[in-house]
């Protein structure tokens, strides 16, 4: 079954010693605008994702 992965932000202020994310992206969290994230999700044309969109958006 197809799946979608969407990133809606970068960075992490927790800076855990075991995690590489904050080391790569920095400790400042930057969230992508909610409307832009929603539009991106709605643009996915996969049937299984569309069914989920109808239930949650």
PDB file of N, CA and C in Angstrom:
ATOM      1  N   UNK A   1       0.842  -1.175   0.000  1.00  0.00           N
ATOM      2  CA  UNK A   1       0.000   0.000   0.000  1.00  0.00           C
ATOM      3  C   UNK A   1       0.894   1.248   0.000  1.00  0.00           C
ATOM      4  N   UNK A   2       0.635   2.198  -0.858  1.00  0.00           N
ATOM      5  CA  UNK A   2       1.435   3.430  -0.929  1.00  0.00           C
ATOM      6  C   UNK A   2       1.322   4.248   0.359  1.00  0.00           C
ATOM      7  N   UNK A   3       2.348   4.994   0.643  1.00  0.00           N
ATOM      8  CA  UNK A   3       2.359   5.862   1.816  1.00  0.00           C
ATOM      9  C   UNK A   3       3.009   7.187   1.444  1.00  0.00           C
ATOM     10  N   UNK A   4       2.753   8.190   2.247  1.00  0.00           N
ATOM     11  CA  UNK A   4       3.352   9.506   2.019  1.00  0.00           C
ATOM     12  C   UNK A   4       4.073   9.946   3.280  1.00  0.00           C
ATOM     13  N   UNK A   5       5.216  10.561   3.097  1.00  0.00           N
ATOM     14  CA  UNK A   5       5.960  11.139   4.204  1.00  0.00           C
ATOM     15  C   UNK A   5       6.099  12.623   3.907  1.00  0.00           C
ATOM     16  N   UNK A   6       5.742  13.447   4.881  1.00  0.00           N
ATOM     17  CA  UNK A   6       5.802  14.884   4.673  1.00  0.00           C
ATOM     18  C   UNK A   6       6.535  15.536   5.848  1.00  0.00           C
ATOM     19  N   UNK A   7       7.500  16.356   5.535  1.00  0.00           N
ATOM     20  CA  UNK A   7       8.207  17.104   6.566  1.00  0.00           C
ATOM     21  C   UNK A   7       7.531  18.458   6.720  1.00  0.00           C
ATOM     22  N   UNK A   8       7.199  18.829   7.935  1.00  0.00           N
ATOM     23  CA  UNK A   8       6.531  20.107   8.150  1.00  0.00           C
ATOM     24  C   UNK A   8       7.345  21.043   9.044  1.00  0.00           C
ATOM     25  N   UNK A   9       8.595  20.705   9.243  1.00  0.00           N
ATOM     26  CA  UNK A   9       9.479  21.570  10.008  1.00  0.00           C
ATOM     27  C   UNK A   9      10.900  21.041   9.967  1.00  0.00           C
ATOM     28  N   UNK A  10      11.833  21.854  10.449  1.00  0.00           N
ATOM     29  CA  UNK A  10      13.237  21.447  10.529  1.00  0.00           C
ATOM     30  C   UNK A  10      13.786  21.842  11.893  1.00  0.00           C
ATOM     31  N   UNK A  11      14.901  21.239  12.241  1.00  0.00           N
ATOM     32  CA  UNK A  11      15.556  21.563  13.497  1.00  0.00           C
ATOM     33  C   UNK A  11      14.871  20.933  14.705  1.00  0.00           C
ATOM     34  N   UNK A  12      15.566  20.971  15.835  1.00  0.00           N
ATOM     35  CA  UNK A  12      15.013  20.442  17.074  1.00  0.00           C
ATOM     36  C   UNK A  12      15.751  21.072  18.240  1.00  0.00           C
ATOM     37  N   UNK A  13      15.039  21.722  19.123  1.00  0.00           N
ATOM     38  CA  UNK A  13      15.670  22.416  20.247  1.00  0.00           C
ATOM     39  C   UNK A  13      16.088  21.478  21.372  1.00  0.00           C
ATOM     40  N   UNK A  14      15.688  20.210  21.320  1.00  0.00           N
ATOM     41  CA  UNK A  14      16.025  19.280  22.404  1.00  0.00           C
ATOM     42  C   UNK A  14      17.485  18.845  22.351  1.00  0.00           C
ATOM     43  N   UNK A  15      18.065  18.743  21.172  1.00  0.00           N
ATOM     44  CA  UNK A  15      19.487  18.420  20.988  1.00  0.00           C
ATOM     45  C   UNK A  15      19.928  17.182  21.765  1.00  0.00           C
ATOM     46  N   UNK A  16      19.189  16.098  21.623  1.00  0.00           N
ATOM     47  CA  UNK A  16      19.542  14.831  22.291  1.00  0.00           C
ATOM     48  C   UNK A  16      20.882  14.328  21.770  1.00  0.00           C
ATOM     49  N   UNK A  17      21.664  13.726  22.643  1.00  0.00           N
ATOM     50  CA  UNK A  17      23.008  13.277  22.268  1.00  0.00           C
ATOM     51  C   UNK A  17      22.988  12.125  21.262  1.00  0.00           C
ATOM     52  N   UNK A  18      21.908  11.363  21.200  1.00  0.00           N
ATOM     53  CA  UNK A  18      21.830  10.207  20.303  1.00  0.00           C
ATOM     54  C   UNK A  18      21.250  10.560  18.930  1.00  0.00           C
ATOM     55  N   UNK A  19      20.776  11.760  18.734  1.00  0.00           N
ATOM     56  CA  UNK A  19      20.048  12.132  17.513  1.00  0.00           C
ATOM     57  C   UNK A  19      20.910  13.001  16.595  1.00  0.00           C
ATOM     58  N   UNK A  20      20.846  12.704  15.302  1.00  0.00           N
ATOM     59  CA  UNK A  20      21.613  13.487  14.333  1.00  0.00           C
ATOM     60  C   UNK A  20      20.835  14.683  13.777  1.00  0.00           C
ATOM     61  N   UNK A  21      19.514  14.689  13.938  1.00  0.00           N
ATOM     62  CA  UNK A  21      18.704  15.724  13.284  1.00  0.00           C
ATOM     63  C   UNK A  21      19.139  17.130  13.670  1.00  0.00           C
ATOM     64  N   UNK A  22      19.234  17.421  14.948  1.00  0.00           N
ATOM     65  CA  UNK A  22      19.594  18.773  15.353  1.00  0.00           C
ATOM     66  C   UNK A  22      21.017  19.128  14.934  1.00  0.00           C
ATOM     67  N   UNK A  23      21.898  18.119  14.868  1.00  0.00           N
ATOM     68  CA  UNK A  23      23.265  18.376  14.430  1.00  0.00           C
ATOM     69  C   UNK A  23      23.333  18.768  12.965  1.00  0.00           C
ATOM     70  N   UNK A  24      22.437  18.223  12.171  1.00  0.00           N
ATOM     71  CA  UNK A  24      22.403  18.517  10.739  1.00  0.00           C
ATOM     72  C   UNK A  24      21.608  19.785  10.453  1.00  0.00           C
ATOM     73  N   UNK A  25      20.434  19.913  11.103  1.00  0.00           N
ATOM     74  CA  UNK A  25      19.522  21.020  10.795  1.00  0.00           C
ATOM     75  C   UNK A  25      19.616  22.187  11.763  1.00  0.00           C
ATOM     76  N   UNK A  26      20.280  21.990  12.889  1.00  0.00           N
ATOM     77  CA  UNK A  26      20.404  23.055  13.877  1.00  0.00           C
ATOM     78  C   UNK A  26      19.403  22.908  15.008  1.00  0.00           C
ATOM     79  N   UNK A  27      19.629  23.670  16.073  1.00  0.00           N
ATOM     80  CA  UNK A  27      18.758  23.578  17.239  1.00  0.00           C
ATOM     81  C   UNK A  27      17.563  24.529  17.154  1.00  0.00           C
ATOM     82  N   UNK A  28      17.562  25.427  16.197  1.00  0.00           N
ATOM     83  CA  UNK A  28      16.417  26.325  16.035  1.00  0.00           C
ATOM     84  C   UNK A  28      15.342  25.621  15.213  1.00  0.00           C
ATOM     85  N   UNK A  29      14.151  25.466  15.815  1.00  0.00           N
ATOM     86  CA  UNK A  29      13.036  24.831  15.101  1.00  0.00           C
ATOM     87  C   UNK A  29      12.412  25.828  14.131  1.00  0.00           C
ATOM     88  N   UNK A  30      12.158  25.366  12.928  1.00  0.00           N
ATOM     89  CA  UNK A  30      11.519  26.198  11.905  1.00  0.00           C
ATOM     90  C   UNK A  30      10.341  25.402  11.344  1.00  0.00           C
ATOM     91  N   UNK A  31       9.140  25.837  11.645  1.00  0.00           N
ATOM     92  CA  UNK A  31       7.958  25.149  11.158  1.00  0.00           C
ATOM     93  C   UNK A  31       7.493  25.766   9.853  1.00  0.00           C
ATOM     94  N   UNK A  32       7.069  24.931   8.936  1.00  0.00           N
ATOM     95  CA  UNK A  32       6.523  25.386   7.665  1.00  0.00           C
ATOM     96  C   UNK A  32       5.087  25.840   7.900  1.00  0.00           C
ATOM     97  N   UNK A  33       4.673  26.869   7.220  1.00  0.00           N
ATOM     98  CA  UNK A  33       3.322  27.422   7.353  1.00  0.00           C
ATOM     99  C   UNK A  33       2.265  26.319   7.239  1.00  0.00           C
ATOM    100  N   UNK A  34       1.294  26.328   8.151  1.00  0.00           N
ATOM    101  CA  UNK A  34       0.264  25.288   8.179  1.00  0.00           C
ATOM    102  C   UNK A  34      -0.557  25.241   6.888  1.00  0.00           C
ATOM    103  N   UNK A  35      -0.861  26.396   6.319  1.00  0.00           N
ATOM    104  CA  UNK A  35      -1.639  26.413   5.070  1.00  0.00           C
ATOM    105  C   UNK A  35      -0.849  25.793   3.920  1.00  0.00           C
ATOM    106  N   UNK A  36       0.443  26.068   3.856  1.00  0.00           N
ATOM    107  CA  UNK A  36       1.287  25.481   2.820  1.00  0.00           C
ATOM    108  C   UNK A  36       1.370  23.962   3.002  1.00  0.00           C
ATOM    109  N   UNK A  37       1.523  23.508   4.242  1.00  0.00           N
ATOM    110  CA  UNK A  37       1.557  22.073   4.527  1.00  0.00           C
ATOM    111  C   UNK A  37       0.253  21.417   4.099  1.00  0.00           C
ATOM    112  N   UNK A  38      -0.860  22.045   4.417  1.00  0.00           N
ATOM    113  CA  UNK A  38      -2.178  21.501   4.046  1.00  0.00           C
ATOM    114  C   UNK A  38      -2.340  21.425   2.531  1.00  0.00           C
ATOM    115  N   UNK A  39      -1.931  22.484   1.824  1.00  0.00           N
ATOM    116  CA  UNK A  39      -2.021  22.488   0.352  1.00  0.00           C
ATOM    117  C   UNK A  39      -1.160  21.390  -0.253  1.00  0.00           C
ATOM    118  N   UNK A  40       0.044  21.205   0.307  1.00  0.00           N
ATOM    119  CA  UNK A  40       0.920  20.140  -0.192  1.00  0.00           C
ATOM    120  C   UNK A  40       0.278  18.776   0.008  1.00  0.00           C
ATOM    121  N   UNK A  41      -0.294  18.541   1.159  1.00  0.00           N
ATOM    122  CA  UNK A  41      -0.953  17.266   1.435  1.00  0.00           C
ATOM    123  C   UNK A  41      -2.135  17.044   0.501  1.00  0.00           C
ATOM    124  N   UNK A  42      -2.902  18.077   0.267  1.00  0.00           N
ATOM    125  CA  UNK A  42      -4.066  17.960  -0.625  1.00  0.00           C
ATOM    126  C   UNK A  42      -3.666  17.752  -2.085  1.00  0.00           C
ATOM    127  N   UNK A  43      -2.431  18.092  -2.443  1.00  0.00           N
ATOM    128  CA  UNK A  43      -1.990  17.939  -3.836  1.00  0.00           C
ATOM    129  C   UNK A  43      -1.590  16.498  -4.170  1.00  0.00           C
ATOM    130  N   UNK A  44      -1.471  15.633  -3.172  1.00  0.00           N
ATOM    131  CA  UNK A  44      -1.102  14.231  -3.409  1.00  0.00           C
ATOM    132  C   UNK A  44      -2.279  13.530  -4.084  1.00  0.00           C
ATOM    133  N   UNK A  45      -2.014  12.879  -5.205  1.00  0.00           N
ATOM    134  CA  UNK A  45      -3.083  12.286  -6.002  1.00  0.00           C
ATOM    135  C   UNK A  45      -3.225  10.778  -5.836  1.00  0.00           C
ATOM    136  N   UNK A  46      -2.661  10.214  -4.799  1.00  0.00           N
ATOM    137  CA  UNK A  46      -2.767   8.785  -4.539  1.00  0.00           C
ATOM    138  C   UNK A  46      -4.105   8.479  -3.849  1.00  0.00           C
ATOM    139  N   UNK A  47      -4.832   7.484  -4.334  1.00  0.00           N
ATOM    140  CA  UNK A  47      -6.158   7.166  -3.802  1.00  0.00           C
ATOM    141  C   UNK A  47      -6.151   6.882  -2.302  1.00  0.00           C
ATOM    142  N   UNK A  48      -5.176   6.118  -1.828  1.00  0.00           N
ATOM    143  CA  UNK A  48      -5.163   5.791  -0.403  1.00  0.00           C
ATOM    144  C   UNK A  48      -4.930   7.032   0.456  1.00  0.00           C
ATOM    145  N   UNK A  49      -4.178   7.976  -0.046  1.00  0.00           N
ATOM    146  CA  UNK A  49      -3.947   9.222   0.690  1.00  0.00           C
ATOM    147  C   UNK A  49      -5.194  10.087   0.628  1.00  0.00           C
ATOM    148  N   UNK A  50      -5.869  10.114  -0.500  1.00  0.00           N
ATOM    149  CA  UNK A  50      -7.104  10.904  -0.637  1.00  0.00           C
ATOM    150  C   UNK A  50      -8.160  10.455   0.353  1.00  0.00           C
ATOM    151  N   UNK A  51      -8.280   9.148   0.589  1.00  0.00           N
ATOM    152  CA  UNK A  51      -9.255   8.644   1.558  1.00  0.00           C
ATOM    153  C   UNK A  51      -8.951   9.193   2.938  1.00  0.00           C
ATOM    154  N   UNK A  52      -7.670   9.235   3.293  1.00  0.00           N
ATOM    155  CA  UNK A  52      -7.267   9.784   4.595  1.00  0.00           C
ATOM    156  C   UNK A  52      -7.550  11.279   4.656  1.00  0.00           C
ATOM    157  N   UNK A  53      -7.305  11.999   3.561  1.00  0.00           N
ATOM    158  CA  UNK A  53      -7.556  13.433   3.524  1.00  0.00           C
ATOM    159  C   UNK A  53      -9.023  13.733   3.808  1.00  0.00           C
ATOM    160  N   UNK A  54      -9.913  12.955   3.258  1.00  0.00           N
ATOM    161  CA  UNK A  54     -11.342  13.169   3.439  1.00  0.00           C
ATOM    162  C   UNK A  54     -11.737  12.994   4.906  1.00  0.00           C
ATOM    163  N   UNK A  55     -11.046  12.122   5.605  1.00  0.00           N
ATOM    164  CA  UNK A  55     -11.371  11.867   7.004  1.00  0.00           C
ATOM    165  C   UNK A  55     -10.816  12.916   7.949  1.00  0.00           C
ATOM    166  N   UNK A  56      -9.692  13.541   7.585  1.00  0.00           N
ATOM    167  CA  UNK A  56      -8.999  14.407   8.552  1.00  0.00           C
ATOM    168  C   UNK A  56      -8.963  15.884   8.208  1.00  0.00           C
ATOM    169  N   UNK A  57      -9.079  16.257   6.945  1.00  0.00           N
ATOM    170  CA  UNK A  57      -8.906  17.671   6.597  1.00  0.00           C
ATOM    171  C   UNK A  57     -10.208  18.388   6.385  1.00  0.00           C
TER     172      UNK A  57
END
